[in-house]
Amino acid sequence: MFKKFYLLTKQLPKSDKLGLAAEIEKIILSIYELTITAALIPKENKEQKIPYLKSICVKTEVLKKLIRLMFELDIINRDKYFTLQFDLQEISKEANNWLNFLKPKEPKNC
């Protein structure tokens, strides 16, 4: 995701590169940091991963909105928008699946 976005920003005017694009890059790097932090927490402390995963979900949703804003402002074209949105949807699915896996299972009634 970061590589795609970084390569895309090389083509942007300086004002866009230093504004909205710079903020998006920070959020992408923050998601990487949160993912690595959650992954490094031992399995015995899996409940400690939940706040990191929730943060990943929130930041991913913010990114979706910011990428949409770049598209609506004609900073990026439709193809780049759809490519980035697809990647964000995959990140969101993976984080939600990981979060659901960690949540305690409720006992089934017979």
Protein backbone atom coordinates (compact mmCIF):
# COMPACT_ATOMS: atom_id res chain seq x y z
CA MET A 1 0.00 0.00 0.00
CA PHE A 2 2.70 2.49 0.98
CA LYS A 3 4.76 1.78 -2.12
CA LYS A 4 1.76 2.32 -4.42
CA PHE A 5 0.85 5.55 -2.70
CA TYR A 6 4.44 6.81 -2.60
CA LEU A 7 4.86 6.21 -6.33
CA LEU A 8 1.56 7.97 -6.96
CA THR A 9 2.64 11.05 -4.97
CA LYS A 10 5.74 11.51 -7.09
CA GLN A 11 3.44 12.70 -9.88
CA LEU A 12 1.49 15.16 -7.73
CA PRO A 13 2.02 18.93 -7.56
CA LYS A 14 4.02 20.11 -4.55
CA SER A 15 0.97 21.59 -2.79
CA ASP A 16 -0.88 18.26 -2.90
CA LYS A 17 2.26 16.32 -2.00
CA LEU A 18 2.88 18.37 1.13
CA GLY A 19 -0.75 18.56 2.21
CA LEU A 20 -3.23 15.75 1.97
CA ALA A 21 -0.75 13.20 0.58
CA ALA A 22 1.70 13.76 3.44
CA GLU A 23 -1.06 13.16 5.98
CA ILE A 24 -2.11 9.97 4.20
CA GLU A 25 1.49 8.70 4.21
CA LYS A 26 1.67 9.26 7.98
CA ILE A 27 -1.51 7.26 8.53
CA ILE A 28 -0.30 4.40 6.31
CA LEU A 29 2.95 4.21 8.25
CA SER A 30 0.99 4.32 11.50
CA ILE A 31 -1.08 1.33 10.34
CA TYR A 32 2.14 -0.57 9.58
CA GLU A 33 3.44 0.24 13.05
CA LEU A 34 0.22 -0.87 14.75
CA THR A 35 0.13 -4.10 12.73
CA ILE A 36 3.69 -5.01 13.61
CA THR A 37 3.13 -4.16 17.27
CA ALA A 38 0.02 -6.35 17.43
CA ALA A 39 1.80 -9.19 15.65
CA LEU A 40 4.69 -9.12 18.13
CA ILE A 41 2.47 -9.46 21.21
CA PRO A 42 2.74 -13.06 22.47
CA LYS A 43 -0.20 -15.40 21.95
CA GLU A 44 -0.63 -15.71 25.72
CA ASN A 45 -1.56 -12.00 25.85
CA LYS A 46 -3.85 -11.97 22.84
CA GLU A 47 -6.37 -9.64 24.52
CA GLN A 48 -3.66 -6.95 24.47
CA LYS A 49 -3.80 -7.00 20.66
CA ILE A 50 -7.41 -5.83 20.53
CA PRO A 51 -6.79 -2.07 21.05
CA TYR A 52 -4.15 -2.09 18.29
CA LEU A 53 -6.48 -3.84 15.90
CA LYS A 54 -9.31 -1.43 16.66
CA SER A 55 -6.94 1.46 15.93
CA ILE A 56 -6.02 -0.18 12.61
CA CYS A 57 -9.72 -0.39 11.73
CA VAL A 58 -10.32 3.27 12.56
CA LYS A 59 -7.24 4.49 10.67
CA THR A 60 -8.19 2.39 7.65
CA GLU A 61 -11.62 4.00 7.56
CA VAL A 62 -10.03 7.45 7.79
CA LEU A 63 -7.74 6.54 4.90
CA LYS A 64 -10.70 5.43 2.81
CA LYS A 65 -12.30 8.85 3.30
CA LEU A 66 -9.08 10.74 2.54
CA ILE A 67 -8.44 8.73 -0.62
CA ARG A 68 -12.02 9.41 -1.70
CA LEU A 69 -11.41 13.11 -1.06
CA MET A 70 -8.31 13.01 -3.29
CA PHE A 71 -10.46 11.47 -6.03
CA GLU A 72 -13.28 14.00 -5.58
CA LEU A 73 -10.75 16.85 -5.78
CA ASP A 74 -9.35 15.35 -9.02
CA ILE A 75 -5.94 14.84 -7.44
CA ILE A 76 -5.97 11.16 -8.47
CA ASN A 77 -7.77 9.48 -11.35
CA ARG A 78 -10.43 6.78 -11.16
CA ASP A 79 -8.05 3.85 -11.76
CA LYS A 80 -5.68 4.88 -8.97
CA TYR A 81 -8.63 5.53 -6.68
CA PHE A 82 -10.07 2.05 -7.23
CA THR A 83 -6.67 0.41 -6.80
CA LEU A 84 -6.08 2.15 -3.48
CA GLN A 85 -9.62 1.52 -2.26
CA PHE A 86 -9.28 -2.18 -3.06
CA ASP A 87 -6.08 -2.37 -1.00
CA LEU A 88 -7.78 -0.56 1.89
CA GLN A 89 -10.75 -2.92 1.78
CA GLU A 90 -8.37 -5.88 2.02
CA ILE A 91 -6.56 -4.33 4.99
CA SER A 92 -9.89 -3.65 6.66
CA LYS A 93 -11.10 -7.23 6.11
CA GLU A 94 -7.88 -8.71 7.48
CA ALA A 95 -7.92 -6.50 10.57
CA ASN A 96 -11.59 -7.28 11.25
CA ASN A 97 -11.01 -11.01 10.79
CA TRP A 98 -8.06 -10.88 13.18
CA LEU A 99 -10.14 -8.93 15.69
CA ASN A 100 -13.04 -11.38 15.46
CA PHE A 101 -10.64 -14.29 15.94
CA LEU A 102 -9.33 -12.74 19.18
CA LYS A 103 -12.70 -11.89 20.69
CA PRO A 104 -13.85 -14.41 23.29
CA LYS A 105 -16.29 -16.94 21.92
CA GLU A 106 -19.68 -17.09 23.57
CA PRO A 107 -20.82 -20.55 24.64
CA LYS A 108 -23.47 -22.12 22.44
CA ASN A 109 -26.74 -23.12 24.07
CA CYS A 110 -28.01 -26.60 23.35
